[in-house]
PDB file of all heavy atoms in Angstrom:
ATOM      1  N   ILE A   1       0.809  -1.187   0.024  1.00  0.00           N
ATOM      2  CA  ILE A   1      -0.013  -0.005   0.016  1.00  0.00           C
ATOM      3  C   ILE A   1       0.848   1.258  -0.013  1.00  0.00           C
ATOM      4  O   ILE A   1       0.334   2.359  -0.137  1.00  0.00           O
ATOM      5  CB  ILE A   1      -1.008   0.018   1.197  1.00  0.00           C
ATOM      6  CG1 ILE A   1      -0.262  -0.142   2.530  1.00  0.00           C
ATOM      7  CG2 ILE A   1      -2.079  -1.054   1.018  1.00  0.00           C
ATOM      8  CD1 ILE A   1      -0.241   1.129   3.320  1.00  0.00           C
ATOM      9  N   ASN A   2       2.146   1.108   0.162  1.00  0.00           N
ATOM     10  CA  ASN A   2       3.077   2.239   0.073  1.00  0.00           C
ATOM     11  C   ASN A   2       4.389   1.684  -0.488  1.00  0.00           C
ATOM     12  O   ASN A   2       5.325   1.406   0.231  1.00  0.00           O
ATOM     13  CB  ASN A   2       3.341   2.884   1.429  1.00  0.00           C
ATOM     14  CG  ASN A   2       4.270   4.079   1.373  1.00  0.00           C
ATOM     15  OD1 ASN A   2       4.649   4.499   0.292  1.00  0.00           O
ATOM     16  ND2 ASN A   2       4.690   4.568   2.496  1.00  0.00           N
ATOM     17  N   PRO A   3       4.506   1.547  -1.827  1.00  0.00           N
ATOM     18  CA  PRO A   3       5.610   0.856  -2.428  1.00  0.00           C
ATOM     19  C   PRO A   3       6.977   1.514  -2.199  1.00  0.00           C
ATOM     20  O   PRO A   3       8.013   0.886  -2.387  1.00  0.00           O
ATOM     21  CB  PRO A   3       5.287   0.892  -3.975  1.00  0.00           C
ATOM     22  CG  PRO A   3       3.796   1.005  -3.965  1.00  0.00           C
ATOM     23  CD  PRO A   3       3.460   1.856  -2.808  1.00  0.00           C
ATOM     24  N   SER A   4       7.009   2.770  -1.728  1.00  0.00           N
ATOM     25  CA  SER A   4       8.280   3.381  -1.405  1.00  0.00           C
ATOM     26  C   SER A   4       8.805   2.979  -0.057  1.00  0.00           C
ATOM     27  O   SER A   4       9.949   3.230   0.291  1.00  0.00           O
ATOM     28  CB  SER A   4       8.145   4.926  -1.458  1.00  0.00           C
ATOM     29  OG  SER A   4       7.234   5.361  -0.449  1.00  0.00           O
ATOM     30  N   LEU A   5       7.944   2.270   0.703  1.00  0.00           N
ATOM     31  CA  LEU A   5       8.312   1.846   2.072  1.00  0.00           C
ATOM     32  C   LEU A   5       8.807   0.358   2.075  1.00  0.00           C
ATOM     33  O   LEU A   5       8.122  -0.483   1.550  1.00  0.00           O
ATOM     34  CB  LEU A   5       7.111   1.995   3.024  1.00  0.00           C
ATOM     35  CG  LEU A   5       7.366   1.607   4.490  1.00  0.00           C
ATOM     36  CD1 LEU A   5       8.332   2.585   5.134  1.00  0.00           C
ATOM     37  CD2 LEU A   5       6.014   1.651   5.260  1.00  0.00           C
ATOM     38  N   TYR A   6       9.956   0.182   2.666  1.00  0.00           N
ATOM     39  CA  TYR A   6      10.546  -1.170   2.763  1.00  0.00           C
ATOM     40  C   TYR A   6      10.776  -1.577   4.192  1.00  0.00           C
ATOM     41  O   TYR A   6      11.016  -0.736   5.064  1.00  0.00           O
ATOM     42  CB  TYR A   6      11.921  -1.199   2.027  1.00  0.00           C
ATOM     43  CG  TYR A   6      11.848  -1.001   0.587  1.00  0.00           C
ATOM     44  CD1 TYR A   6      11.884   0.313   0.002  1.00  0.00           C
ATOM     45  CD2 TYR A   6      11.741  -2.064  -0.338  1.00  0.00           C
ATOM     46  CE1 TYR A   6      11.794   0.485  -1.374  1.00  0.00           C
ATOM     47  CE2 TYR A   6      11.691  -1.880  -1.727  1.00  0.00           C
ATOM     48  CZ  TYR A   6      11.721  -0.592  -2.208  1.00  0.00           C
ATOM     49  OH  TYR A   6      11.667  -0.390  -3.579  1.00  0.00           O
ATOM     50  N   LEU A   7      10.598  -2.883   4.469  1.00  0.00           N
ATOM     51  CA  LEU A   7      10.945  -3.407   5.763  1.00  0.00           C
ATOM     52  C   LEU A   7      12.344  -3.984   5.671  1.00  0.00           C
ATOM     53  O   LEU A   7      12.659  -4.769   4.807  1.00  0.00           O
ATOM     54  CB  LEU A   7       9.931  -4.521   6.139  1.00  0.00           C
ATOM     55  CG  LEU A   7       8.459  -4.125   6.205  1.00  0.00           C
ATOM     56  CD1 LEU A   7       7.636  -5.277   6.774  1.00  0.00           C
ATOM     57  CD2 LEU A   7       8.231  -2.859   7.023  1.00  0.00           C
ATOM     58  N   VAL A   8      13.187  -3.576   6.659  1.00  0.00           N
ATOM     59  CA  VAL A   8      14.590  -3.925   6.625  1.00  0.00           C
ATOM     60  C   VAL A   8      15.048  -4.526   7.940  1.00  0.00           C
ATOM     61  O   VAL A   8      14.683  -3.987   9.020  1.00  0.00           O
ATOM     62  CB  VAL A   8      15.475  -2.682   6.306  1.00  0.00           C
ATOM     63  CG1 VAL A   8      16.950  -3.051   6.190  1.00  0.00           C
ATOM     64  CG2 VAL A   8      14.988  -1.977   5.039  1.00  0.00           C
ATOM     65  N   LYS A   9      15.806  -5.596   7.882  1.00  0.00           N
ATOM     66  CA  LYS A   9      16.458  -6.194   9.044  1.00  0.00           C
ATOM     67  C   LYS A   9      17.966  -5.805   8.994  1.00  0.00           C
ATOM     68  O   LYS A   9      18.669  -6.318   8.157  1.00  0.00           O
ATOM     69  CB  LYS A   9      16.273  -7.716   9.076  1.00  0.00           C
ATOM     70  CG  LYS A   9      17.117  -8.433  10.105  1.00  0.00           C
ATOM     71  CD  LYS A   9      16.722  -8.168  11.526  1.00  0.00           C
ATOM     72  CE  LYS A   9      17.433  -9.103  12.517  1.00  0.00           C
ATOM     73  NZ  LYS A   9      18.884  -8.821  12.684  1.00  0.00           N
ATOM     74  N   TYR A  10      18.352  -4.905   9.851  1.00  0.00           N
ATOM     75  CA  TYR A  10      19.756  -4.481   9.898  1.00  0.00           C
ATOM     76  C   TYR A  10      20.586  -5.435  10.736  1.00  0.00           C
ATOM     77  O   TYR A  10      20.131  -6.017  11.729  1.00  0.00           O
ATOM     78  CB  TYR A  10      19.877  -3.067  10.424  1.00  0.00           C
ATOM     79  CG  TYR A  10      19.420  -2.034   9.425  1.00  0.00           C
ATOM     80  CD1 TYR A  10      18.153  -1.430   9.551  1.00  0.00           C
ATOM     81  CD2 TYR A  10      20.246  -1.716   8.321  1.00  0.00           C
ATOM     82  CE1 TYR A  10      17.744  -0.485   8.600  1.00  0.00           C
ATOM     83  CE2 TYR A  10      19.797  -0.741   7.425  1.00  0.00           C
ATOM     84  CZ  TYR A  10      18.541  -0.128   7.546  1.00  0.00           C
ATOM     85  OH  TYR A  10      18.153   0.753   6.595  1.00  0.00           O
ATOM     86  N   ASP A  11      21.865  -5.607  10.319  1.00  0.00           N
ATOM     87  CA  ASP A  11      22.774  -6.509  11.032  1.00  0.00           C
ATOM     88  C   ASP A  11      22.937  -6.044  12.483  1.00  0.00           C
ATOM     89  O   ASP A  11      23.177  -4.855  12.728  1.00  0.00           O
ATOM     90  CB  ASP A  11      24.123  -6.542  10.359  1.00  0.00           C
ATOM     91  CG  ASP A  11      24.023  -7.053   8.901  1.00  0.00           C
ATOM     92  OD1 ASP A  11      22.983  -7.506   8.510  1.00  0.00           O
ATOM     93  OD2 ASP A  11      25.071  -6.956   8.225  1.00  0.00           O
ATOM     94  N   GLY A  12      22.767  -6.966  13.416  1.00  0.00           N
ATOM     95  CA  GLY A  12      22.974  -6.653  14.839  1.00  0.00           C
ATOM     96  C   GLY A  12      21.813  -5.913  15.486  1.00  0.00           C
ATOM     97  O   GLY A  12      21.911  -5.605  16.653  1.00  0.00           O
ATOM     98  N   ILE A  13      20.727  -5.719  14.757  1.00  0.00           N
ATOM     99  CA  ILE A  13      19.549  -5.018  15.334  1.00  0.00           C
ATOM    100  C   ILE A  13      18.355  -6.032  15.302  1.00  0.00           C
ATOM    101  O   ILE A  13      18.092  -6.641  14.312  1.00  0.00           O
ATOM    102  CB  ILE A  13      19.158  -3.800  14.461  1.00  0.00           C
ATOM    103  CG1 ILE A  13      20.329  -2.808  14.365  1.00  0.00           C
ATOM    104  CG2 ILE A  13      17.957  -3.090  15.047  1.00  0.00           C
ATOM    105  CD1 ILE A  13      20.778  -2.237  15.694  1.00  0.00           C
ATOM    106  N   ASP A  14      17.662  -6.119  16.431  1.00  0.00           N
ATOM    107  CA  ASP A  14      16.623  -7.067  16.535  1.00  0.00           C
ATOM    108  C   ASP A  14      15.227  -6.561  16.027  1.00  0.00           C
ATOM    109  O   ASP A  14      14.362  -7.348  15.665  1.00  0.00           O
ATOM    110  CB  ASP A  14      16.405  -7.485  18.005  1.00  0.00           C
ATOM    111  CG  ASP A  14      17.672  -8.187  18.574  1.00  0.00           C
ATOM    112  OD1 ASP A  14      18.317  -8.876  17.813  1.00  0.00           O
ATOM    113  OD2 ASP A  14      17.923  -8.057  19.774  1.00  0.00           O
ATOM    114  N   CYS A  15      15.110  -5.237  15.946  1.00  0.00           N
ATOM    115  CA  CYS A  15      13.846  -4.643  15.476  1.00  0.00           C
ATOM    116  C   CYS A  15      13.852  -4.695  13.916  1.00  0.00           C
ATOM    117  O   CYS A  15      14.901  -4.680  13.265  1.00  0.00           O
ATOM    118  CB  CYS A  15      13.706  -3.188  15.873  1.00  0.00           C
ATOM    119  SG  CYS A  15      13.608  -2.934  17.600  1.00  0.00           S
ATOM    120  N   VAL A  16      12.653  -4.717  13.379  1.00  0.00           N
ATOM    121  CA  VAL A  16      12.497  -4.535  11.908  1.00  0.00           C
ATOM    122  C   VAL A  16      12.190  -3.062  11.681  1.00  0.00           C
ATOM    123  O   VAL A  16      11.277  -2.505  12.340  1.00  0.00           O
ATOM    124  CB  VAL A  16      11.342  -5.419  11.363  1.00  0.00           C
ATOM    125  CG1 VAL A  16      11.110  -5.144   9.876  1.00  0.00           C
ATOM    126  CG2 VAL A  16      11.646  -6.895  11.604  1.00  0.00           C
ATOM    127  N   TYR A  17      12.905  -2.418  10.758  1.00  0.00           N
ATOM    128  CA  TYR A  17      12.687  -0.995  10.512  1.00  0.00           C
ATOM    129  C   TYR A  17      11.908  -0.803   9.201  1.00  0.00           C
ATOM    130  O   TYR A  17      12.043  -1.598   8.253  1.00  0.00           O
ATOM    131  CB  TYR A  17      14.037  -0.275  10.363  1.00  0.00           C
ATOM    132  CG  TYR A  17      14.798  -0.103  11.644  1.00  0.00           C
ATOM    133  CD1 TYR A  17      16.095   0.453  11.664  1.00  0.00           C
ATOM    134  CD2 TYR A  17      14.238  -0.391  12.900  1.00  0.00           C
ATOM    135  CE1 TYR A  17      16.772   0.622  12.794  1.00  0.00           C
ATOM    136  CE2 TYR A  17      14.911  -0.208  14.067  1.00  0.00           C
ATOM    137  CZ  TYR A  17      16.203   0.308  14.042  1.00  0.00           C
ATOM    138  OH  TYR A  17      16.891   0.469  15.237  1.00  0.00           O
ATOM    139  N   GLY A  18      11.053   0.266   9.196  1.00  0.00           N
ATOM    140  CA  GLY A  18      10.344   0.641   7.995  1.00  0.00           C
ATOM    141  C   GLY A  18      10.911   1.964   7.442  1.00  0.00           C
ATOM    142  O   GLY A  18      10.788   2.988   8.150  1.00  0.00           O
ATOM    143  N   LEU A  19      11.516   1.927   6.241  1.00  0.00           N
ATOM    144  CA  LEU A  19      12.146   3.127   5.745  1.00  0.00           C
ATOM    145  C   LEU A  19      11.850   3.245   4.236  1.00  0.00           C
ATOM    146  O   LEU A  19      11.744   2.265   3.498  1.00  0.00           O
ATOM    147  CB  LEU A  19      13.660   3.038   5.909  1.00  0.00           C
ATOM    148  CG  LEU A  19      14.162   3.161   7.321  1.00  0.00           C
ATOM    149  CD1 LEU A  19      15.629   2.685   7.453  1.00  0.00           C
ATOM    150  CD2 LEU A  19      14.071   4.603   7.799  1.00  0.00           C
ATOM    151  N   GLU A  20      11.700   4.511   3.814  1.00  0.00           N
ATOM    152  CA  GLU A  20      11.592   4.807   2.380  1.00  0.00           C
ATOM    153  C   GLU A  20      13.020   4.938   1.859  1.00  0.00           C
ATOM    154  O   GLU A  20      13.584   6.051   1.822  1.00  0.00           O
ATOM    155  CB  GLU A  20      10.788   6.088   2.183  1.00  0.00           C
ATOM    156  CG  GLU A  20       9.297   5.863   2.576  1.00  0.00           C
ATOM    157  CD  GLU A  20       8.408   7.025   2.227  1.00  0.00           C
ATOM    158  OE1 GLU A  20       8.927   8.098   1.893  1.00  0.00           O
ATOM    159  OE2 GLU A  20       7.184   6.815   2.187  1.00  0.00           O
ATOM    160  N   LEU A  21      13.577   3.854   1.455  1.00  0.00           N
ATOM    161  CA  LEU A  21      15.038   3.781   1.187  1.00  0.00           C
ATOM    162  C   LEU A  21      15.479   4.715   0.074  1.00  0.00           C
ATOM    163  O   LEU A  21      16.599   5.218   0.091  1.00  0.00           O
ATOM    164  CB  LEU A  21      15.417   2.347   0.806  1.00  0.00           C
ATOM    165  CG  LEU A  21      15.329   1.329   1.955  1.00  0.00           C
ATOM    166  CD1 LEU A  21      15.550  -0.108   1.418  1.00  0.00           C
ATOM    167  CD2 LEU A  21      16.278   1.628   3.091  1.00  0.00           C
ATOM    168  N   HIS A  22      14.628   5.000  -0.897  1.00  0.00           N
ATOM    169  CA  HIS A  22      14.984   5.829  -2.030  1.00  0.00           C
ATOM    170  C   HIS A  22      14.604   7.294  -1.807  1.00  0.00           C
ATOM    171  O   HIS A  22      14.991   8.171  -2.589  1.00  0.00           O
ATOM    172  CB  HIS A  22      14.329   5.373  -3.317  1.00  0.00           C
ATOM    173  CG  HIS A  22      14.774   3.954  -3.756  1.00  0.00           C
ATOM    174  ND1 HIS A  22      16.053   3.707  -4.104  1.00  0.00           N
ATOM    175  CD2 HIS A  22      14.056   2.821  -3.828  1.00  0.00           C
ATOM    176  CE1 HIS A  22      16.146   2.381  -4.402  1.00  0.00           C
ATOM    177  NE2 HIS A  22      14.956   1.889  -4.288  1.00  0.00           N
ATOM    178  N   ARG A  23      13.856   7.592  -0.762  1.00  0.00           N
ATOM    179  CA  ARG A  23      13.339   8.943  -0.527  1.00  0.00           C
ATOM    180  C   ARG A  23      13.844   9.643   0.714  1.00  0.00           C
ATOM    181  O   ARG A  23      13.926  10.833   0.783  1.00  0.00           O
ATOM    182  CB  ARG A  23      11.803   8.948  -0.506  1.00  0.00           C
ATOM    183  CG  ARG A  23      11.139   8.558  -1.824  1.00  0.00           C
ATOM    184  CD  ARG A  23       9.639   8.721  -1.673  1.00  0.00           C
ATOM    185  NE  ARG A  23       8.970   8.485  -2.973  1.00  0.00           N
ATOM    186  CZ  ARG A  23       7.648   8.593  -3.124  1.00  0.00           C
ATOM    187  NH1 ARG A  23       6.899   8.891  -2.107  1.00  0.00           N
ATOM    188  NH2 ARG A  23       7.067   8.330  -4.296  1.00  0.00           N
ATOM    189  N   ASP A  24      14.112   8.842   1.727  1.00  0.00           N
ATOM    190  CA  ASP A  24      14.518   9.392   3.040  1.00  0.00           C
ATOM    191  C   ASP A  24      15.845  10.151   2.901  1.00  0.00           C
ATOM    192  O   ASP A  24      16.849   9.507   2.564  1.00  0.00           O
ATOM    193  CB  ASP A  24      14.596   8.289   4.095  1.00  0.00           C
ATOM    194  CG  ASP A  24      14.574   8.807   5.484  1.00  0.00           C
ATOM    195  OD1 ASP A  24      15.252   9.851   5.745  1.00  0.00           O
ATOM    196  OD2 ASP A  24      13.896   8.194   6.337  1.00  0.00           O
ATOM    197  N   GLU A  25      15.852  11.434   3.191  1.00  0.00           N
ATOM    198  CA  GLU A  25      17.090  12.239   3.007  1.00  0.00           C
ATOM    199  C   GLU A  25      18.129  11.941   4.051  1.00  0.00           C
ATOM    200  O   GLU A  25      19.279  12.354   3.921  1.00  0.00           O
ATOM    201  CB  GLU A  25      16.701  13.703   2.970  1.00  0.00           C
ATOM    202  CG  GLU A  25      15.865  14.054   1.784  1.00  0.00           C
ATOM    203  CD  GLU A  25      15.592  15.553   1.711  1.00  0.00           C
ATOM    204  OE1 GLU A  25      15.749  16.208   2.732  1.00  0.00           O
ATOM    205  OE2 GLU A  25      15.171  15.974   0.592  1.00  0.00           O
ATOM    206  N   ARG A  26      17.795  11.176   5.107  1.00  0.00           N
ATOM    207  CA  ARG A  26      18.790  10.816   6.094  1.00  0.00           C
ATOM    208  C   ARG A  26      19.656   9.649   5.615  1.00  0.00           C
ATOM    209  O   ARG A  26      20.671   9.345   6.172  1.00  0.00           O
ATOM    210  CB  ARG A  26      18.070  10.422   7.395  1.00  0.00           C
ATOM    211  CG  ARG A  26      17.308  11.610   8.042  1.00  0.00           C
ATOM    212  CD  ARG A  26      16.348  11.121   9.119  1.00  0.00           C
ATOM    213  NE  ARG A  26      15.320  10.261   8.596  1.00  0.00           N
ATOM    214  CZ  ARG A  26      14.348   9.766   9.350  1.00  0.00           C
ATOM    215  NH1 ARG A  26      14.289  10.024  10.629  1.00  0.00           N
ATOM    216  NH2 ARG A  26      13.435   8.977   8.798  1.00  0.00           N
ATOM    217  N   ILE A  27      19.136   8.924   4.572  1.00  0.00           N
ATOM    218  CA  ILE A  27      19.855   7.797   4.009  1.00  0.00           C
ATOM    219  C   ILE A  27      20.842   8.309   2.951  1.00  0.00           C
ATOM    220  O   ILE A  27      20.450   8.962   2.008  1.00  0.00           O
ATOM    221  CB  ILE A  27      18.903   6.764   3.438  1.00  0.00           C
ATOM    222  CG1 ILE A  27      18.090   6.127   4.585  1.00  0.00           C
ATOM    223  CG2 ILE A  27      19.672   5.713   2.644  1.00  0.00           C
ATOM    224  CD1 ILE A  27      17.020   5.179   4.133  1.00  0.00           C
ATOM    225  N   LEU A  28      22.136   7.981   3.131  1.00  0.00           N
ATOM    226  CA  LEU A  28      23.172   8.474   2.249  1.00  0.00           C
ATOM    227  C   LEU A  28      23.857   7.314   1.485  1.00  0.00           C
ATOM    228  O   LEU A  28      24.173   6.315   2.082  1.00  0.00           O
ATOM    229  CB  LEU A  28      24.215   9.262   2.995  1.00  0.00           C
ATOM    230  CG  LEU A  28      23.734  10.386   3.919  1.00  0.00           C
ATOM    231  CD1 LEU A  28      24.859  10.975   4.724  1.00  0.00           C
ATOM    232  CD2 LEU A  28      23.019  11.468   3.117  1.00  0.00           C
TER     233      LEU A  28
END
């Protein structure tokens, strides 16, 4: 329902994060 939003499991982190990987300006 929001194709720009991805669920990501980061190494060493137990939570699942929801991020707009191509849009979020904090992601470099």
